[in-house]
């Protein structure tokens, strides 16, 4: 069945799924949004609540549905899973969320779905790899939210540090969406100005210690939010909205999504969050950006950690 990119579905109506649905309502990207949850009443309640705001938002239909309703969707967003507990790493979630992902993919692959799968559940890089392997879909159609949120956190903190609009800051967090992620400082710039040159013009200094502090704030941000309010959901909803916009509008935007590598950066058999061109086809191209020696080593270390997790899993076919 041909994919309708004006129709999307969200599987999982917890805090993250509901926040993404609200973001989609604000953006007006879709004419039809289907919500699915193991608790059907929860999905119905969210659809009703969101629909109450339609007179002040976009013209669209928001309904609770089942897997038969996703066959013609252009985009299916998977957020279902258990939440990260305070002090728990994203990788420690894998055992509990693997079973959930397998059950979802069994239903999705049983339909004639031809759209894009966007994995948001954590650990997103491992689950993105699993989704590709289990579904058998081409890799361009199975992507994860990756470090799009982490990159936004870095841009925001750098903007505050440098006294400039964060939208003018260009830098990436790559690798695992988790504790082994890394900041690519070697390519960071402010509106095309090399970071060192911008700091000089501003009469500021950004030392190695400052960079390490900013990186650690980004890396630990989720844990700090979870410790204070129990979960994170607004930031990731904005990040997923940005990815969805690039797909629906065929923008060819460069975003650090999670993708299965096939030799890029000298790696394969693992999904990593790396800058990629994103458009109507999902993943259009993985960009092998220049990395410093230490950055390349750190990326390799991140990949090895994720590959060890992947190799410990059993990946039976969903067919």
Protein backbone atom coordinates (compact mmCIF):
# COMPACT_ATOMS: atom_id res chain seq x y z
CA UNK A 1 0.00 0.00 0.00
CA UNK A 2 1.37 3.40 -0.97
CA UNK A 3 2.57 5.53 1.93
CA UNK A 4 0.51 8.62 2.69
CA UNK A 5 2.89 11.19 4.15
CA UNK A 6 -0.01 13.25 5.42
CA UNK A 7 -0.85 10.41 7.78
CA UNK A 8 1.22 9.35 10.80
CA UNK A 9 0.89 7.02 13.75
CA UNK A 10 2.42 7.05 17.22
CA UNK A 11 2.79 3.71 18.99
CA UNK A 12 2.90 4.36 22.72
CA UNK A 13 0.90 7.11 24.44
CA UNK A 14 2.97 7.73 27.53
CA UNK A 15 4.52 11.11 28.31
CA UNK A 16 6.81 10.98 25.26
CA UNK A 17 4.20 9.76 22.78
CA UNK A 18 1.58 12.25 23.98
CA UNK A 19 4.08 15.12 23.84
CA UNK A 20 5.05 14.18 20.28
CA UNK A 21 1.36 14.07 19.33
CA UNK A 22 0.92 17.57 20.76
CA UNK A 23 3.95 18.77 18.79
CA UNK A 24 2.52 17.28 15.58
CA UNK A 25 -0.75 19.11 16.28
CA UNK A 26 1.16 22.39 16.62
CA UNK A 27 3.14 21.82 13.43
CA UNK A 28 0.19 20.95 11.24
CA UNK A 29 2.26 18.43 9.29
CA UNK A 30 -0.41 15.76 9.07
CA UNK A 31 -4.07 15.58 8.13
CA UNK A 32 -4.52 12.34 10.07
CA UNK A 33 -2.81 11.18 13.27
CA UNK A 34 -3.47 7.73 14.76
CA UNK A 35 -2.57 6.93 18.38
CA UNK A 36 -1.93 3.35 19.49
CA UNK A 37 -1.30 2.07 23.00
CA UNK A 38 -1.52 -1.25 24.83
CA UNK A 39 -4.03 0.58 27.00
CA UNK A 40 -6.69 1.46 24.41
CA UNK A 41 -8.48 3.78 26.84
CA UNK A 42 -5.28 5.78 27.28
CA UNK A 43 -4.99 6.28 23.51
CA UNK A 44 -8.65 7.27 23.31
CA UNK A 45 -8.26 9.77 26.13
CA UNK A 46 -5.21 11.37 24.55
CA UNK A 47 -6.99 11.60 21.17
CA UNK A 48 -9.99 13.26 22.82
CA UNK A 49 -7.85 15.71 24.78
CA UNK A 50 -5.77 16.68 21.75
CA UNK A 51 -8.87 17.01 19.55
CA UNK A 52 -10.30 19.58 21.95
CA UNK A 53 -7.55 21.95 20.80
CA UNK A 54 -8.11 21.53 17.07
CA UNK A 55 -10.20 24.71 16.68
CA UNK A 56 -7.09 26.64 17.75
CA UNK A 57 -4.58 24.55 15.82
CA UNK A 58 -4.19 22.73 12.53
CA UNK A 59 -6.99 21.11 10.58
CA UNK A 60 -6.50 17.40 11.16
CA UNK A 61 -8.14 14.25 12.51
CA UNK A 62 -6.73 12.65 15.66
CA UNK A 63 -8.02 9.20 16.55
CA UNK A 64 -7.18 6.15 18.62
CA UNK A 65 -6.67 3.13 16.42
CA UNK A 66 -5.10 -0.27 15.95
CA UNK A 67 -2.39 -1.71 13.73
CA UNK A 68 -4.68 -2.04 10.73
CA UNK A 69 -4.82 1.76 10.69
CA UNK A 70 -1.06 2.16 10.12
CA UNK A 71 -0.74 0.30 6.80
CA UNK A 72 -0.90 3.48 4.70
CA UNK A 73 0.96 5.78 7.12
CA UNK A 74 3.93 7.68 5.79
CA UNK A 75 5.49 7.75 9.26
CA UNK A 76 5.17 5.48 12.27
CA UNK A 77 6.82 6.71 15.47
CA UNK A 78 7.63 4.07 18.10
CA UNK A 79 7.78 5.44 21.64
CA UNK A 80 6.40 2.43 23.53
CA UNK A 81 8.54 1.11 26.34
CA UNK A 82 9.31 1.48 30.00
CA UNK A 83 10.79 4.71 31.33
CA UNK A 84 14.37 5.19 32.42
CA UNK A 85 14.62 5.13 36.21
CA UNK A 86 16.75 7.60 38.20
CA UNK A 87 20.36 6.44 38.05
CA UNK A 88 19.64 3.90 35.30
CA UNK A 89 21.54 4.07 32.00
CA UNK A 90 19.70 3.91 28.70
CA UNK A 91 21.47 0.64 27.86
CA UNK A 92 20.08 -0.92 31.04
CA UNK A 93 16.61 -0.50 29.55
CA UNK A 94 17.33 -2.94 26.74
CA UNK A 95 16.06 -6.11 28.38
CA UNK A 96 12.68 -4.65 29.19
CA UNK A 97 12.14 -2.74 25.97
CA UNK A 98 13.33 -5.47 23.60
CA UNK A 99 10.22 -7.58 24.21
CA UNK A 100 7.97 -4.58 23.60
CA UNK A 101 9.71 -3.67 20.33
CA UNK A 102 9.48 -7.25 19.03
CA UNK A 103 5.74 -7.34 19.66
CA UNK A 104 5.23 -4.02 17.86
CA UNK A 105 7.29 -5.02 14.83
CA UNK A 106 5.45 -8.31 14.52
CA UNK A 107 2.24 -6.32 14.03
CA UNK A 108 3.76 -3.68 11.74
CA UNK A 109 5.42 -6.19 9.40
CA UNK A 110 2.18 -8.15 9.12
CA UNK A 111 0.69 -5.14 7.31
CA UNK A 112 1.68 -3.75 3.92
CA UNK A 113 3.43 -0.79 5.52
CA UNK A 114 5.65 1.15 3.09
CA UNK A 115 6.44 4.24 5.16
CA UNK A 116 9.24 5.29 7.52
CA UNK A 117 9.78 3.74 10.95
CA UNK A 118 11.12 6.25 13.46
CA UNK A 119 12.31 4.64 16.70
CA UNK A 120 12.32 6.88 19.77
CA UNK A 121 12.24 4.32 22.60
CA UNK A 122 15.51 3.86 24.50
CA UNK A 123 18.19 2.67 24.12
CA UNK A 124 17.43 4.17 20.73
CA UNK A 125 20.59 3.10 18.86
CA UNK A 126 20.28 -0.55 19.90
CA UNK A 127 16.53 -0.60 19.22
CA UNK A 128 17.03 1.04 15.82
CA UNK A 129 19.45 -1.72 14.86
CA UNK A 130 17.02 -4.33 16.15
CA UNK A 131 14.11 -2.75 14.26
CA UNK A 132 16.07 -2.90 11.00
CA UNK A 133 17.10 -6.50 11.54
CA UNK A 134 13.70 -7.70 12.74
CA UNK A 135 11.64 -5.87 10.12
CA UNK A 136 13.81 -6.58 7.11
CA UNK A 137 13.01 -3.11 5.78
CA UNK A 138 15.68 -1.19 3.83
CA UNK A 139 17.87 0.81 6.20
CA UNK A 140 16.67 4.15 4.83
CA UNK A 141 13.18 3.34 6.13
CA UNK A 142 14.28 2.47 9.69
CA UNK A 143 15.83 5.36 11.61
CA UNK A 144 16.07 6.48 15.21
CA UNK A 145 15.78 9.87 16.88
CA UNK A 146 19.47 9.49 17.71
CA UNK A 147 21.29 12.48 19.16
CA UNK A 148 19.05 15.14 17.64
CA UNK A 149 17.97 16.06 21.18
CA UNK A 150 21.52 15.86 22.59
CA UNK A 151 22.71 18.14 19.80
CA UNK A 152 19.97 20.64 20.66
CA UNK A 153 21.11 20.56 24.29
CA UNK A 154 24.69 21.27 23.22
CA UNK A 155 23.61 24.13 20.95
CA UNK A 156 21.52 25.67 23.73
CA UNK A 157 24.30 25.46 26.33
CA UNK A 158 26.87 26.83 23.87
CA UNK A 159 24.55 29.70 23.00
CA UNK A 160 24.22 30.59 26.68
CA UNK A 161 27.97 30.28 27.19
CA UNK A 162 28.86 32.41 24.16
CA UNK A 163 26.03 34.93 24.45
CA UNK A 164 24.57 34.14 21.04
CA UNK A 165 21.29 32.72 19.68
CA UNK A 166 21.56 28.93 19.91
CA UNK A 167 20.10 28.66 16.40
CA UNK A 168 23.34 30.18 15.11
CA UNK A 169 25.46 27.53 16.85
CA UNK A 170 26.42 24.54 14.70
CA UNK A 171 27.82 21.51 16.49
CA UNK A 172 27.03 17.82 16.79
CA UNK A 173 26.76 15.20 19.48
CA UNK A 174 27.42 11.81 17.85
CA UNK A 175 27.78 8.15 18.81
CA UNK A 176 25.48 6.56 21.34
CA UNK A 177 22.47 8.48 22.56
CA UNK A 178 23.78 7.84 26.04
CA UNK A 179 26.83 7.80 28.26
CA UNK A 180 29.42 7.11 25.51
CA UNK A 181 28.28 9.94 23.23
CA UNK A 182 30.80 12.59 22.19
CA UNK A 183 30.82 16.21 21.11
CA UNK A 184 32.51 17.00 17.79
CA UNK A 185 34.31 20.16 18.86
CA UNK A 186 36.66 20.10 15.86
CA UNK A 187 33.80 21.08 13.53
CA UNK A 188 31.88 23.44 15.83
CA UNK A 189 31.16 26.92 14.50
CA UNK A 190 28.90 29.92 14.94
CA UNK A 191 27.23 30.87 11.64
CA UNK A 192 30.26 29.63 9.71
CA UNK A 193 32.82 31.24 11.99
CA UNK A 194 35.27 28.79 13.50
CA UNK A 195 34.62 28.50 17.22
CA UNK A 196 38.04 29.89 18.16
CA UNK A 197 37.62 32.82 15.76
CA UNK A 198 34.16 33.63 17.13
CA UNK A 199 35.43 33.57 20.70
CA UNK A 200 38.28 35.87 19.74
CA UNK A 201 35.92 38.36 18.09
CA UNK A 202 33.66 38.25 21.14
CA UNK A 203 36.55 38.66 23.54
CA UNK A 204 35.65 35.33 25.12
CA UNK A 205 37.60 32.17 25.81
CA UNK A 206 36.30 28.62 25.63
CA UNK A 207 38.92 26.43 27.25
CA UNK A 208 39.25 22.65 27.07
CA UNK A 209 37.85 22.60 30.60
CA UNK A 210 34.83 24.64 29.49
CA UNK A 211 34.21 22.27 26.59
CA UNK A 212 34.41 19.25 28.89
CA UNK A 213 31.98 20.88 31.32
CA UNK A 214 29.47 21.62 28.55
CA UNK A 215 29.77 18.08 27.20
CA UNK A 216 29.18 16.58 30.63
CA UNK A 217 26.12 18.79 31.14
CA UNK A 218 24.70 17.49 27.86
CA UNK A 219 25.56 13.86 28.63
CA UNK A 220 24.04 14.03 32.11
CA UNK A 221 21.07 16.24 31.23
CA UNK A 222 18.50 13.44 31.01
CA UNK A 223 19.48 12.02 34.39
CA UNK A 224 19.23 15.46 35.97
CA UNK A 225 15.76 16.01 34.51
CA UNK A 226 14.61 12.52 35.51
CA UNK A 227 15.90 13.08 39.05
CA UNK A 228 13.85 16.25 39.33
CA UNK A 229 10.59 15.43 37.49
CA UNK A 230 10.68 11.71 36.75
CA UNK A 231 10.89 11.73 32.95
CA UNK A 232 11.92 13.76 29.91
CA UNK A 233 9.45 14.43 27.11
CA UNK A 234 9.22 18.02 25.88
CA UNK A 235 12.72 18.17 24.42
CA UNK A 236 12.44 14.85 22.61
CA UNK A 237 9.02 15.87 21.27
CA UNK A 238 10.61 18.94 19.67
CA UNK A 239 13.44 16.81 18.26
CA UNK A 240 11.03 14.25 16.76
CA UNK A 241 8.96 17.09 15.34
CA UNK A 242 12.07 18.37 13.59
CA UNK A 243 12.80 14.94 12.08
CA UNK A 244 9.18 14.51 10.99
CA UNK A 245 9.18 17.94 9.35
CA UNK A 246 12.25 17.04 7.30
CA UNK A 247 10.59 13.81 6.13
CA UNK A 248 7.15 15.24 5.30
CA UNK A 249 8.51 18.37 3.61
CA UNK A 250 11.36 16.45 1.93
CA UNK A 251 13.79 19.04 3.28
CA UNK A 252 17.04 17.08 2.92
CA UNK A 253 18.02 18.40 6.34
CA UNK A 254 21.24 17.32 8.06
CA UNK A 255 20.37 15.74 11.40
CA UNK A 256 22.28 13.33 13.70
CA UNK A 257 19.76 10.50 13.54
CA UNK A 258 20.47 6.90 14.51
CA UNK A 259 21.19 4.75 11.46
CA UNK A 260 22.56 1.28 10.76
CA UNK A 261 26.10 1.76 9.47
CA UNK A 262 27.25 -0.14 6.40
CA UNK A 263 30.94 0.70 6.31
CA UNK A 264 30.71 4.41 7.07
CA UNK A 265 33.37 5.52 9.54
CA UNK A 266 34.84 2.04 9.01
CA UNK A 267 32.00 0.47 11.00
CA UNK A 268 29.15 -1.96 10.45
CA UNK A 269 26.88 -4.26 12.44
CA UNK A 270 25.75 -1.42 14.67
CA UNK A 271 23.49 1.64 14.63
CA UNK A 272 25.03 4.94 15.66
CA UNK A 273 23.82 8.52 15.79
CA UNK A 274 25.70 10.39 13.06
CA UNK A 275 24.94 13.40 10.83
CA UNK A 276 22.77 12.26 7.94
CA UNK A 277 20.64 13.80 5.21
CA UNK A 278 16.95 13.24 5.99
CA UNK A 279 14.09 13.61 3.52
CA UNK A 280 10.98 11.94 2.15
CA UNK A 281 12.81 8.62 1.82
CA UNK A 282 13.94 8.73 5.44
CA UNK A 283 17.71 8.29 5.46
CA UNK A 284 19.11 9.67 2.21
CA UNK A 285 22.82 9.66 2.98
CA UNK A 286 25.13 9.14 5.94
CA UNK A 287 27.66 11.97 6.10
CA UNK A 288 31.16 10.97 7.14
CA UNK A 289 32.15 14.27 8.70
CA UNK A 290 35.80 14.99 9.48
CA UNK A 291 36.78 13.94 13.01
CA UNK A 292 39.90 14.61 15.02
CA UNK A 293 41.96 11.56 16.06
CA UNK A 294 40.59 11.58 19.61
CA UNK A 295 37.03 12.04 18.32
CA UNK A 296 37.36 9.11 15.91
CA UNK A 297 38.72 6.95 18.72
CA UNK A 298 35.83 7.93 20.99
CA UNK A 299 33.31 7.16 18.24
CA UNK A 300 34.86 3.74 17.80
CA UNK A 301 34.66 3.11 21.53
CA UNK A 302 30.99 4.09 21.54
CA UNK A 303 30.33 1.72 18.64
CA UNK A 304 32.08 -1.17 20.39
CA UNK A 305 29.93 -0.74 23.49
CA UNK A 306 26.75 -0.78 21.44
CA UNK A 307 27.90 -3.73 19.32
CA UNK A 308 28.56 -5.77 22.47
CA UNK A 309 24.95 -5.21 23.50
CA UNK A 310 23.65 -6.08 20.03
CA UNK A 311 25.74 -9.26 19.88
CA UNK A 312 24.24 -10.41 23.19
CA UNK A 313 20.70 -10.27 21.80
CA UNK A 314 18.72 -12.88 19.95
CA UNK A 315 17.08 -11.41 16.88
CA UNK A 316 14.50 -13.85 15.50
CA UNK A 317 12.64 -12.75 12.40
CA UNK A 318 9.22 -11.13 12.79
CA UNK A 319 8.01 -12.78 9.60
